[in-house]
């Protein structure tokens, strides 16, 4: 029939647009800034600069990073690898926030943000074949959070190590270190000798000179154990079956 053109297919339009996209090998997001004498982020920046990778600073939330990736895609640029550098630990989750002045990224906060539509939506066409690598200490231990991050970024692969990430080491510019944990109340350490005995009891199959490790505060030689300490905030929550069971406190000091 003359003049009987079919409507232009939306799928065909997308395919034509994607065919013009430039594939960029990688990009690095330094998703934080150094505080006090901890130079984790500046060391990471220096490491990736030496690798010749493009670096983006100043974006400290997952929403900002997603918006950047979407904008790049709109400008016909997608990435094979996305590196995200952010502090993390097993107790507080990632230091990177969901949005500015928002919560730290944990499984609970991320699931809640997705449920409440408080998180940017990424275009799957821009990340479906992308691998995202988080340089965040211990994040690889949290499989559930990694799965949720993969869902949020809609990436083909997500990766994070269960070990500590160390940038700017004395003998290697980047390496992974397996952590061993010991605990004591703040300012109430019983000393290296007592703690080394606890480590021997807690890790009987690990062949480390714990006393030497606990008294060594920085790298002494490649591959040798050393130690550092940090505070873990503790929040107590008490549950009572009956309101009559709740104690009546006279003041905050009680």
Protein backbone atom coordinates (compact mmCIF):
# COMPACT_ATOMS: atom_id res chain seq x y z
CA UNK A 1 0.00 0.00 0.00
CA UNK A 2 1.32 3.43 -0.88
CA UNK A 3 2.05 5.72 2.09
CA UNK A 4 1.67 2.86 4.58
CA UNK A 5 4.90 3.33 6.54
CA UNK A 6 5.21 1.42 9.81
CA UNK A 7 5.90 3.43 12.99
CA UNK A 8 9.61 3.68 13.73
CA UNK A 9 10.41 0.94 16.25
CA UNK A 10 11.53 2.16 19.69
CA UNK A 11 13.77 -0.90 20.00
CA UNK A 12 15.35 -0.14 16.64
CA UNK A 13 15.94 3.46 17.71
CA UNK A 14 17.72 2.26 20.87
CA UNK A 15 19.82 -0.19 18.86
CA UNK A 16 20.88 2.54 16.44
CA UNK A 17 21.80 4.86 19.30
CA UNK A 18 23.83 2.22 21.13
CA UNK A 19 25.75 1.31 18.00
CA UNK A 20 27.46 4.72 18.16
CA UNK A 21 28.59 4.36 21.77
CA UNK A 22 32.27 4.67 22.61
CA UNK A 23 33.57 1.97 24.94
CA UNK A 24 35.90 3.37 27.60
CA UNK A 25 38.06 0.74 29.29
CA UNK A 26 37.68 1.94 32.87
CA UNK A 27 36.90 4.76 35.27
CA UNK A 28 37.71 5.25 38.96
CA UNK A 29 35.47 7.01 41.49
CA UNK A 30 37.31 8.19 44.61
CA UNK A 31 34.20 8.23 46.77
CA UNK A 32 35.56 9.91 49.88
CA UNK A 33 38.21 12.19 51.32
CA UNK A 34 41.04 11.72 53.77
CA UNK A 35 40.62 12.61 57.43
CA UNK A 36 43.40 13.14 59.98
CA UNK A 37 46.47 11.05 59.11
CA UNK A 38 44.61 8.35 57.14
CA UNK A 39 45.65 8.86 53.50
CA UNK A 40 43.66 5.97 52.01
CA UNK A 41 41.96 8.02 49.31
CA UNK A 42 44.97 10.07 48.20
CA UNK A 43 47.07 6.88 48.08
CA UNK A 44 44.40 5.17 45.97
CA UNK A 45 44.25 8.17 43.63
CA UNK A 46 48.00 8.09 43.17
CA UNK A 47 47.92 4.34 42.47
CA UNK A 48 45.24 4.58 39.79
CA UNK A 49 46.85 7.63 38.21
CA UNK A 50 49.98 5.54 37.67
CA UNK A 51 47.78 2.95 35.95
CA UNK A 52 46.67 5.66 33.53
CA UNK A 53 43.01 5.37 34.56
CA UNK A 54 40.64 8.37 34.42
CA UNK A 55 39.68 9.45 37.95
CA UNK A 56 36.57 11.20 39.21
CA UNK A 57 36.63 12.90 42.63
CA UNK A 58 33.98 14.76 44.60
CA UNK A 59 31.17 12.22 44.13
CA UNK A 60 30.67 10.64 47.56
CA UNK A 61 27.21 9.07 47.19
CA UNK A 62 25.81 6.19 45.17
CA UNK A 63 23.18 8.52 43.66
CA UNK A 64 25.87 10.88 42.34
CA UNK A 65 27.85 8.00 40.81
CA UNK A 66 24.76 6.55 39.14
CA UNK A 67 23.85 9.99 37.75
CA UNK A 68 27.40 10.31 36.34
CA UNK A 69 27.18 6.89 34.64
CA UNK A 70 23.77 7.73 33.18
CA UNK A 71 25.06 11.07 31.89
CA UNK A 72 28.07 9.37 30.31
CA UNK A 73 25.74 6.89 28.61
CA UNK A 74 23.60 9.71 27.26
CA UNK A 75 26.82 11.12 25.78
CA UNK A 76 27.51 7.78 24.08
CA UNK A 77 30.16 6.58 26.60
CA UNK A 78 29.98 3.33 28.57
CA UNK A 79 32.62 1.64 30.70
CA UNK A 80 34.02 -1.89 30.74
CA UNK A 81 35.17 -1.54 34.34
CA UNK A 82 34.05 0.81 37.10
CA UNK A 83 36.25 1.09 40.20
CA UNK A 84 34.77 2.57 43.38
CA UNK A 85 37.10 3.44 46.26
CA UNK A 86 35.31 3.77 49.60
CA UNK A 87 36.10 2.95 53.22
CA UNK A 88 34.18 0.01 54.62
CA UNK A 89 34.14 -2.32 57.59
CA UNK A 90 32.17 -5.31 58.79
CA UNK A 91 30.31 -3.37 61.49
CA UNK A 92 29.26 -0.07 59.92
CA UNK A 93 29.04 -0.94 56.23
CA UNK A 94 30.45 1.40 53.58
CA UNK A 95 31.33 5.01 54.38
CA UNK A 96 29.80 6.00 51.04
CA UNK A 97 26.29 7.37 51.47
CA UNK A 98 23.17 6.69 49.45
CA UNK A 99 22.53 10.40 49.01
CA UNK A 100 24.00 13.60 50.39
CA UNK A 101 23.59 13.69 54.18
CA UNK A 102 21.92 10.29 53.93
CA UNK A 103 22.67 6.95 55.55
CA UNK A 104 25.81 4.91 55.08
CA UNK A 105 25.42 2.03 52.64
CA UNK A 106 24.42 -1.17 54.40
CA UNK A 107 22.19 -3.98 53.19
CA UNK A 108 19.32 -2.61 55.26
CA UNK A 109 19.68 1.03 54.17
CA UNK A 110 20.14 0.10 50.50
CA UNK A 111 17.11 -2.20 50.45
CA UNK A 112 15.06 0.52 52.13
CA UNK A 113 16.19 3.15 49.61
CA UNK A 114 15.23 0.88 46.71
CA UNK A 115 11.85 0.13 48.26
CA UNK A 116 11.11 3.81 48.89
CA UNK A 117 12.44 4.91 45.46
CA UNK A 118 15.09 7.08 47.16
CA UNK A 119 17.84 5.91 44.84
CA UNK A 120 18.69 6.87 41.28
CA UNK A 121 17.74 4.36 38.57
CA UNK A 122 20.55 3.36 36.27
CA UNK A 123 19.97 2.59 32.60
CA UNK A 124 20.75 -1.11 32.14
CA UNK A 125 21.98 -0.56 28.58
CA UNK A 126 24.91 1.42 30.02
CA UNK A 127 26.08 -1.18 32.56
CA UNK A 128 24.77 -4.59 31.45
CA UNK A 129 28.22 -5.69 30.26
CA UNK A 130 30.19 -3.75 32.88
CA UNK A 131 32.20 -5.07 35.81
CA UNK A 132 32.16 -2.94 38.96
CA UNK A 133 34.98 -3.37 41.48
CA UNK A 134 34.67 -1.98 45.00
CA UNK A 135 37.94 -1.23 46.77
CA UNK A 136 36.37 -1.38 50.23
CA UNK A 137 37.88 -3.25 53.17
CA UNK A 138 36.10 -6.52 53.92
CA UNK A 139 33.13 -5.82 51.64
CA UNK A 140 33.61 -9.17 49.91
CA UNK A 141 32.51 -10.89 53.15
CA UNK A 142 29.06 -9.36 52.79
CA UNK A 143 27.64 -11.38 49.91
CA UNK A 144 24.10 -10.10 50.45
CA UNK A 145 25.18 -6.45 50.17
CA UNK A 146 27.23 -7.21 47.05
CA UNK A 147 24.18 -8.83 45.47
CA UNK A 148 22.08 -5.76 46.26
CA UNK A 149 24.77 -3.45 44.82
CA UNK A 150 24.83 -5.55 41.66
CA UNK A 151 21.05 -5.16 41.42
CA UNK A 152 21.23 -1.38 41.94
CA UNK A 153 23.99 -0.83 39.35
CA UNK A 154 22.51 -3.46 36.98
CA UNK A 155 26.01 -4.64 36.13
CA UNK A 156 27.14 -7.90 34.61
CA UNK A 157 29.67 -8.52 37.39
CA UNK A 158 30.40 -7.12 40.85
CA UNK A 159 33.60 -7.74 42.77
CA UNK A 160 35.06 -6.91 46.20
CA UNK A 161 37.70 -8.56 48.34
CA UNK A 162 37.01 -9.97 51.83
CA UNK A 163 40.45 -8.65 52.81
CA UNK A 164 41.71 -5.19 53.71
CA UNK A 165 42.70 -2.95 50.80
CA UNK A 166 46.00 -1.20 51.38
CA UNK A 167 47.14 1.58 49.05
CA UNK A 168 50.52 3.24 49.33
CA UNK A 169 52.27 0.43 51.16
CA UNK A 170 55.96 0.55 51.95
CA UNK A 171 56.75 -2.44 49.72
CA UNK A 172 53.77 -2.50 47.31
CA UNK A 173 51.57 0.33 46.08
CA UNK A 174 48.45 -1.82 46.42
CA UNK A 175 47.90 -5.13 48.18
CA UNK A 176 45.27 -7.09 50.09
CA UNK A 177 45.82 -8.02 53.73
CA UNK A 178 43.94 -10.69 55.65
CA UNK A 179 42.72 -9.26 58.99
CA UNK A 180 42.61 -11.02 62.36
CA UNK A 181 40.54 -9.36 65.05
CA UNK A 182 40.96 -9.00 68.79
CA UNK A 183 38.65 -7.01 71.05
CA UNK A 184 38.81 -5.16 74.36
CA UNK A 185 36.96 -2.22 75.97
CA UNK A 186 38.29 1.17 74.89
CA UNK A 187 41.33 2.25 76.96
CA UNK A 188 41.27 -1.04 78.89
CA UNK A 189 43.84 -3.09 76.99
CA UNK A 190 45.70 -5.61 79.17
CA UNK A 191 48.81 -5.23 77.06
CA UNK A 192 50.40 -7.00 74.07
CA UNK A 193 51.44 -10.14 76.02
CA UNK A 194 47.89 -10.82 77.20
CA UNK A 195 46.38 -9.99 73.81
CA UNK A 196 48.88 -12.21 71.98
CA UNK A 197 47.73 -15.15 74.09
CA UNK A 198 44.12 -14.43 73.14
CA UNK A 199 45.08 -14.35 69.46
CA UNK A 200 46.87 -17.71 69.79
CA UNK A 201 43.74 -19.21 71.35
CA UNK A 202 41.37 -17.66 68.80
CA UNK A 203 43.51 -18.56 65.77
CA UNK A 204 45.28 -21.80 66.73
CA UNK A 205 46.00 -22.79 63.10
CA UNK A 206 47.55 -19.47 62.10
CA UNK A 207 51.33 -19.38 62.32
CA UNK A 208 52.03 -15.77 63.26
CA UNK A 209 54.23 -14.40 66.01
CA UNK A 210 51.36 -12.51 67.62
CA UNK A 211 53.43 -10.65 70.19
CA UNK A 212 55.72 -9.27 67.49
CA UNK A 213 52.73 -8.42 65.29
CA UNK A 214 50.96 -6.57 68.10
CA UNK A 215 54.03 -4.49 68.92
CA UNK A 216 54.71 -3.66 65.25
CA UNK A 217 52.64 -0.65 64.16
CA UNK A 218 53.76 -0.39 60.55
CA UNK A 219 55.14 -2.52 57.74
CA UNK A 220 58.58 -3.83 58.73
CA UNK A 221 59.16 -6.17 55.78
CA UNK A 222 57.12 -7.49 52.89
CA UNK A 223 54.47 -10.01 53.97
CA UNK A 224 55.13 -9.71 57.72
CA UNK A 225 52.16 -9.14 60.03
CA UNK A 226 51.67 -5.81 61.78
CA UNK A 227 48.81 -4.25 63.72
CA UNK A 228 46.69 -1.17 64.11
CA UNK A 229 43.72 -0.40 66.31
CA UNK A 230 40.43 1.41 65.86
CA UNK A 231 37.24 1.99 67.83
CA UNK A 232 33.99 0.15 67.14
CA UNK A 233 30.90 2.03 68.36
CA UNK A 234 28.49 -0.16 70.31
CA UNK A 235 24.80 0.57 70.54
CA UNK A 236 22.81 -1.38 73.10
CA UNK A 237 19.14 -2.17 72.46
CA UNK A 238 17.01 -3.79 75.17
CA UNK A 239 13.67 -5.45 74.43
CA UNK A 240 11.01 -5.89 77.09
CA UNK A 241 7.98 -8.16 76.72
CA UNK A 242 5.93 -6.00 79.04
CA UNK A 243 6.05 -2.28 79.73
CA UNK A 244 5.93 -3.07 83.46
CA UNK A 245 9.32 -4.77 83.10
CA UNK A 246 10.99 -1.53 82.03
CA UNK A 247 13.10 0.01 84.80
CA UNK A 248 12.34 3.56 85.87
CA UNK A 249 15.54 5.56 85.61
CA UNK A 250 15.89 8.69 87.69
CA UNK A 251 18.37 10.33 85.33
CA UNK A 252 20.68 9.67 82.37
CA UNK A 253 23.45 8.43 84.66
CA UNK A 254 21.30 5.72 86.25
